[in-house]
């Protein structure tokens, strides 16, 4: 797999993860026991190729 295809697969996987979170009943529930859709965030961590 070339680097471009690998990056696109990672992007696709992250998009699907957000879709899954939004489909959970705990998301968009009542405060303070549930998350809101606005609380979903992604964080990237660069390892410099040492994964």
PDB file of N, CA and C in Angstrom:
ATOM      1  N   UNK A   1       0.857  -1.170   0.000  1.00  0.00           N
ATOM      2  CA  UNK A   1       0.000   0.000   0.000  1.00  0.00           C
ATOM      3  C   UNK A   1       0.907   1.238   0.000  1.00  0.00           C
ATOM      4  N   UNK A   2       0.626   2.154  -0.902  1.00  0.00           N
ATOM      5  CA  UNK A   2       1.444   3.364  -0.924  1.00  0.00           C
ATOM      6  C   UNK A   2       1.028   4.331   0.182  1.00  0.00           C
ATOM      7  N   UNK A   3       1.850   5.333   0.412  1.00  0.00           N
ATOM      8  CA  UNK A   3       1.633   6.248   1.553  1.00  0.00           C
ATOM      9  C   UNK A   3       0.325   7.030   1.401  1.00  0.00           C
ATOM     10  N   UNK A   4      -0.032   7.402   0.181  1.00  0.00           N
ATOM     11  CA  UNK A   4      -1.282   8.138  -0.035  1.00  0.00           C
ATOM     12  C   UNK A   4      -2.501   7.297   0.304  1.00  0.00           C
ATOM     13  N   UNK A   5      -2.464   6.029  -0.103  1.00  0.00           N
ATOM     14  CA  UNK A   5      -3.579   5.132   0.195  1.00  0.00           C
ATOM     15  C   UNK A   5      -3.676   4.879   1.700  1.00  0.00           C
ATOM     16  N   UNK A   6      -2.538   4.748   2.353  1.00  0.00           N
ATOM     17  CA  UNK A   6      -2.532   4.529   3.808  1.00  0.00           C
ATOM     18  C   UNK A   6      -3.120   5.737   4.535  1.00  0.00           C
ATOM     19  N   UNK A   7      -2.778   6.943   4.095  1.00  0.00           N
ATOM     20  CA  UNK A   7      -3.328   8.147   4.726  1.00  0.00           C
ATOM     21  C   UNK A   7      -4.839   8.224   4.532  1.00  0.00           C
ATOM     22  N   UNK A   8      -5.303   7.904   3.326  1.00  0.00           N
ATOM     23  CA  UNK A   8      -6.732   7.957   3.067  1.00  0.00           C
ATOM     24  C   UNK A   8      -7.481   6.903   3.887  1.00  0.00           C
ATOM     25  N   UNK A   9      -6.883   5.724   4.065  1.00  0.00           N
ATOM     26  CA  UNK A   9      -7.513   4.705   4.894  1.00  0.00           C
ATOM     27  C   UNK A   9      -7.626   5.194   6.332  1.00  0.00           C
ATOM     28  N   UNK A  10      -6.579   5.853   6.840  1.00  0.00           N
ATOM     29  CA  UNK A  10      -6.626   6.391   8.204  1.00  0.00           C
ATOM     30  C   UNK A  10      -7.726   7.445   8.335  1.00  0.00           C
ATOM     31  N   UNK A  11      -7.840   8.316   7.351  1.00  0.00           N
ATOM     32  CA  UNK A  11      -8.886   9.344   7.377  1.00  0.00           C
ATOM     33  C   UNK A  11     -10.264   8.676   7.382  1.00  0.00           C
ATOM     34  N   UNK A  12     -10.440   7.679   6.521  1.00  0.00           N
ATOM     35  CA  UNK A  12     -11.716   6.956   6.440  1.00  0.00           C
ATOM     36  C   UNK A  12     -12.042   6.290   7.777  1.00  0.00           C
ATOM     37  N   UNK A  13     -11.045   5.635   8.374  1.00  0.00           N
ATOM     38  CA  UNK A  13     -11.257   4.971   9.657  1.00  0.00           C
ATOM     39  C   UNK A  13     -11.680   5.958  10.734  1.00  0.00           C
ATOM     40  N   UNK A  14     -11.072   7.141  10.760  1.00  0.00           N
ATOM     41  CA  UNK A  14     -11.427   8.147  11.759  1.00  0.00           C
ATOM     42  C   UNK A  14     -12.829   8.699  11.527  1.00  0.00           C
ATOM     43  N   UNK A  15     -13.197   8.880  10.266  1.00  0.00           N
ATOM     44  CA  UNK A  15     -14.555   9.345   9.969  1.00  0.00           C
ATOM     45  C   UNK A  15     -15.585   8.323  10.442  1.00  0.00           C
ATOM     46  N   UNK A  16     -15.318   7.050  10.218  1.00  0.00           N
ATOM     47  CA  UNK A  16     -16.230   5.999  10.660  1.00  0.00           C
ATOM     48  C   UNK A  16     -16.316   5.937  12.182  1.00  0.00           C
ATOM     49  N   UNK A  17     -15.189   6.186  12.863  1.00  0.00           N
ATOM     50  CA  UNK A  17     -15.200   6.186  14.327  1.00  0.00           C
ATOM     51  C   UNK A  17     -16.104   7.291  14.866  1.00  0.00           C
ATOM     52  N   UNK A  18     -16.047   8.468  14.252  1.00  0.00           N
ATOM     53  CA  UNK A  18     -16.919   9.568  14.679  1.00  0.00           C
ATOM     54  C   UNK A  18     -18.381   9.210  14.399  1.00  0.00           C
ATOM     55  N   UNK A  19     -18.650   8.594  13.248  1.00  0.00           N
ATOM     56  CA  UNK A  19     -20.020   8.168  12.937  1.00  0.00           C
ATOM     57  C   UNK A  19     -20.529   7.182  13.973  1.00  0.00           C
ATOM     58  N   UNK A  20     -19.681   6.247  14.374  1.00  0.00           N
ATOM     59  CA  UNK A  20     -20.072   5.270  15.390  1.00  0.00           C
ATOM     60  C   UNK A  20     -20.387   5.960  16.713  1.00  0.00           C
ATOM     61  N   UNK A  21     -19.534   6.879  17.136  1.00  0.00           N
ATOM     62  CA  UNK A  21     -19.782   7.600  18.390  1.00  0.00           C
ATOM     63  C   UNK A  21     -21.107   8.351  18.341  1.00  0.00           C
ATOM     64  N   UNK A  22     -21.391   8.985  17.213  1.00  0.00           N
ATOM     65  CA  UNK A  22     -22.635   9.746  17.100  1.00  0.00           C
ATOM     66  C   UNK A  22     -23.866   8.846  17.122  1.00  0.00           C
ATOM     67  N   UNK A  23     -23.711   7.580  16.759  1.00  0.00           N
ATOM     68  CA  UNK A  23     -24.838   6.656  16.740  1.00  0.00           C
ATOM     69  C   UNK A  23     -25.129   6.054  18.117  1.00  0.00           C
ATOM     70  N   UNK A  24     -24.229   6.194  19.058  1.00  0.00           N
ATOM     71  CA  UNK A  24     -24.432   5.622  20.386  1.00  0.00           C
ATOM     72  C   UNK A  24     -25.495   6.393  21.160  1.00  0.00           C
ATOM     73  N   UNK A  25     -26.325   5.692  21.917  1.00  0.00           N
ATOM     74  CA  UNK A  25     -27.376   6.388  22.670  1.00  0.00           C
ATOM     75  C   UNK A  25     -26.812   7.292  23.766  1.00  0.00           C
ATOM     76  N   UNK A  26     -25.602   7.002  24.241  1.00  0.00           N
ATOM     77  CA  UNK A  26     -25.002   7.837  25.288  1.00  0.00           C
ATOM     78  C   UNK A  26     -24.639   9.226  24.779  1.00  0.00           C
ATOM     79  N   UNK A  27     -24.411   9.343  23.476  1.00  0.00           N
ATOM     80  CA  UNK A  27     -24.101  10.635  22.875  1.00  0.00           C
ATOM     81  C   UNK A  27     -25.418  11.328  22.585  1.00  0.00           C
ATOM     82  N   UNK A  28     -25.495  12.580  22.924  1.00  0.00           N
ATOM     83  CA  UNK A  28     -26.716  13.374  22.786  1.00  0.00           C
ATOM     84  C   UNK A  28     -27.743  12.975  23.845  1.00  0.00           C
ATOM     85  N   UNK A  29     -27.240  12.507  24.963  1.00  0.00           N
ATOM     86  CA  UNK A  29     -28.117  12.173  26.078  1.00  0.00           C
ATOM     87  C   UNK A  29     -28.306  13.375  26.983  1.00  0.00           C
ATOM     88  N   UNK A  30     -28.729  13.113  28.184  1.00  0.00           N
ATOM     89  CA  UNK A  30     -28.979  14.200  29.123  1.00  0.00           C
ATOM     90  C   UNK A  30     -27.760  14.454  29.993  1.00  0.00           C
ATOM     91  N   UNK A  31     -27.452  15.686  30.210  1.00  0.00           N
ATOM     92  CA  UNK A  31     -26.346  16.132  31.053  1.00  0.00           C
ATOM     93  C   UNK A  31     -26.629  15.735  32.487  1.00  0.00           C
ATOM     94  N   UNK A  32     -25.748  15.351  33.323  1.00  0.00           N
ATOM     95  CA  UNK A  32     -24.295  15.263  33.160  1.00  0.00           C
ATOM     96  C   UNK A  32     -23.799  13.856  32.860  1.00  0.00           C
ATOM     97  N   UNK A  33     -24.678  12.956  32.495  1.00  0.00           N
ATOM     98  CA  UNK A  33     -24.289  11.556  32.350  1.00  0.00           C
ATOM     99  C   UNK A  33     -23.937  11.144  30.936  1.00  0.00           C
ATOM    100  N   UNK A  34     -24.064  12.026  29.978  1.00  0.00           N
ATOM    101  CA  UNK A  34     -23.817  11.647  28.591  1.00  0.00           C
ATOM    102  C   UNK A  34     -23.040  12.732  27.863  1.00  0.00           C
ATOM    103  N   UNK A  35     -22.451  12.338  26.768  1.00  0.00           N
ATOM    104  CA  UNK A  35     -21.723  13.269  25.912  1.00  0.00           C
ATOM    105  C   UNK A  35     -22.694  13.996  24.994  1.00  0.00           C
ATOM    106  N   UNK A  36     -22.251  15.095  24.458  1.00  0.00           N
ATOM    107  CA  UNK A  36     -22.997  15.770  23.409  1.00  0.00           C
ATOM    108  C   UNK A  36     -22.206  15.623  22.116  1.00  0.00           C
ATOM    109  N   UNK A  37     -22.851  15.699  20.954  1.00  0.00           N
ATOM    110  CA  UNK A  37     -22.118  15.589  19.699  1.00  0.00           C
ATOM    111  C   UNK A  37     -20.997  16.626  19.574  1.00  0.00           C
ATOM    112  N   UNK A  38     -21.184  17.787  20.188  1.00  0.00           N
ATOM    113  CA  UNK A  38     -20.163  18.824  20.127  1.00  0.00           C
ATOM    114  C   UNK A  38     -18.910  18.459  20.925  1.00  0.00           C
ATOM    115  N   UNK A  39     -19.025  17.477  21.812  1.00  0.00           N
ATOM    116  CA  UNK A  39     -17.893  17.094  22.658  1.00  0.00           C
ATOM    117  C   UNK A  39     -16.960  16.096  21.980  1.00  0.00           C
ATOM    118  N   UNK A  40     -17.312  15.622  20.793  1.00  0.00           N
ATOM    119  CA  UNK A  40     -16.461  14.671  20.081  1.00  0.00           C
ATOM    120  C   UNK A  40     -15.319  15.439  19.425  1.00  0.00           C
ATOM    121  N   UNK A  41     -14.108  14.996  19.677  1.00  0.00           N
ATOM    122  CA  UNK A  41     -12.933  15.643  19.092  1.00  0.00           C
ATOM    123  C   UNK A  41     -11.890  14.591  18.756  1.00  0.00           C
ATOM    124  N   UNK A  42     -10.999  14.919  17.853  1.00  0.00           N
ATOM    125  CA  UNK A  42      -9.905  14.029  17.482  1.00  0.00           C
ATOM    126  C   UNK A  42      -8.588  14.711  17.818  1.00  0.00           C
ATOM    127  N   UNK A  43      -7.629  13.904  18.217  1.00  0.00           N
ATOM    128  CA  UNK A  43      -6.289  14.419  18.512  1.00  0.00           C
ATOM    129  C   UNK A  43      -5.297  13.583  17.715  1.00  0.00           C
ATOM    130  N   UNK A  44      -4.400  14.249  17.048  1.00  0.00           N
ATOM    131  CA  UNK A  44      -3.377  13.540  16.281  1.00  0.00           C
ATOM    132  C   UNK A  44      -2.079  13.519  17.063  1.00  0.00           C
ATOM    133  N   UNK A  45      -1.409  12.394  17.011  1.00  0.00           N
ATOM    134  CA  UNK A  45      -0.125  12.264  17.685  1.00  0.00           C
ATOM    135  C   UNK A  45       0.892  11.782  16.664  1.00  0.00           C
ATOM    136  N   UNK A  46       1.900  12.585  16.412  1.00  0.00           N
ATOM    137  CA  UNK A  46       2.960  12.192  15.483  1.00  0.00           C
ATOM    138  C   UNK A  46       4.061  11.477  16.251  1.00  0.00           C
ATOM    139  N   UNK A  47       4.450  10.301  15.760  1.00  0.00           N
ATOM    140  CA  UNK A  47       5.486   9.538  16.435  1.00  0.00           C
ATOM    141  C   UNK A  47       6.805   9.550  15.682  1.00  0.00           C
ATOM    142  N   UNK A  48       6.860  10.283  14.592  1.00  0.00           N
ATOM    143  CA  UNK A  48       8.112  10.352  13.836  1.00  0.00           C
ATOM    144  C   UNK A  48       8.487   9.029  13.199  1.00  0.00           C
ATOM    145  N   UNK A  49       7.512   8.214  12.836  1.00  0.00           N
ATOM    146  CA  UNK A  49       7.773   6.949  12.176  1.00  0.00           C
ATOM    147  C   UNK A  49       8.204   5.841  13.115  1.00  0.00           C
ATOM    148  N   UNK A  50       7.990   6.013  14.405  1.00  0.00           N
ATOM    149  CA  UNK A  50       8.410   5.001  15.396  1.00  0.00           C
ATOM    150  C   UNK A  50       7.252   4.210  15.955  1.00  0.00           C
ATOM    151  N   UNK A  51       6.216   4.007  15.184  1.00  0.00           N
ATOM    152  CA  UNK A  51       5.067   3.257  15.678  1.00  0.00           C
ATOM    153  C   UNK A  51       5.344   1.786  15.696  1.00  0.00           C
TER     154      UNK A  51
END
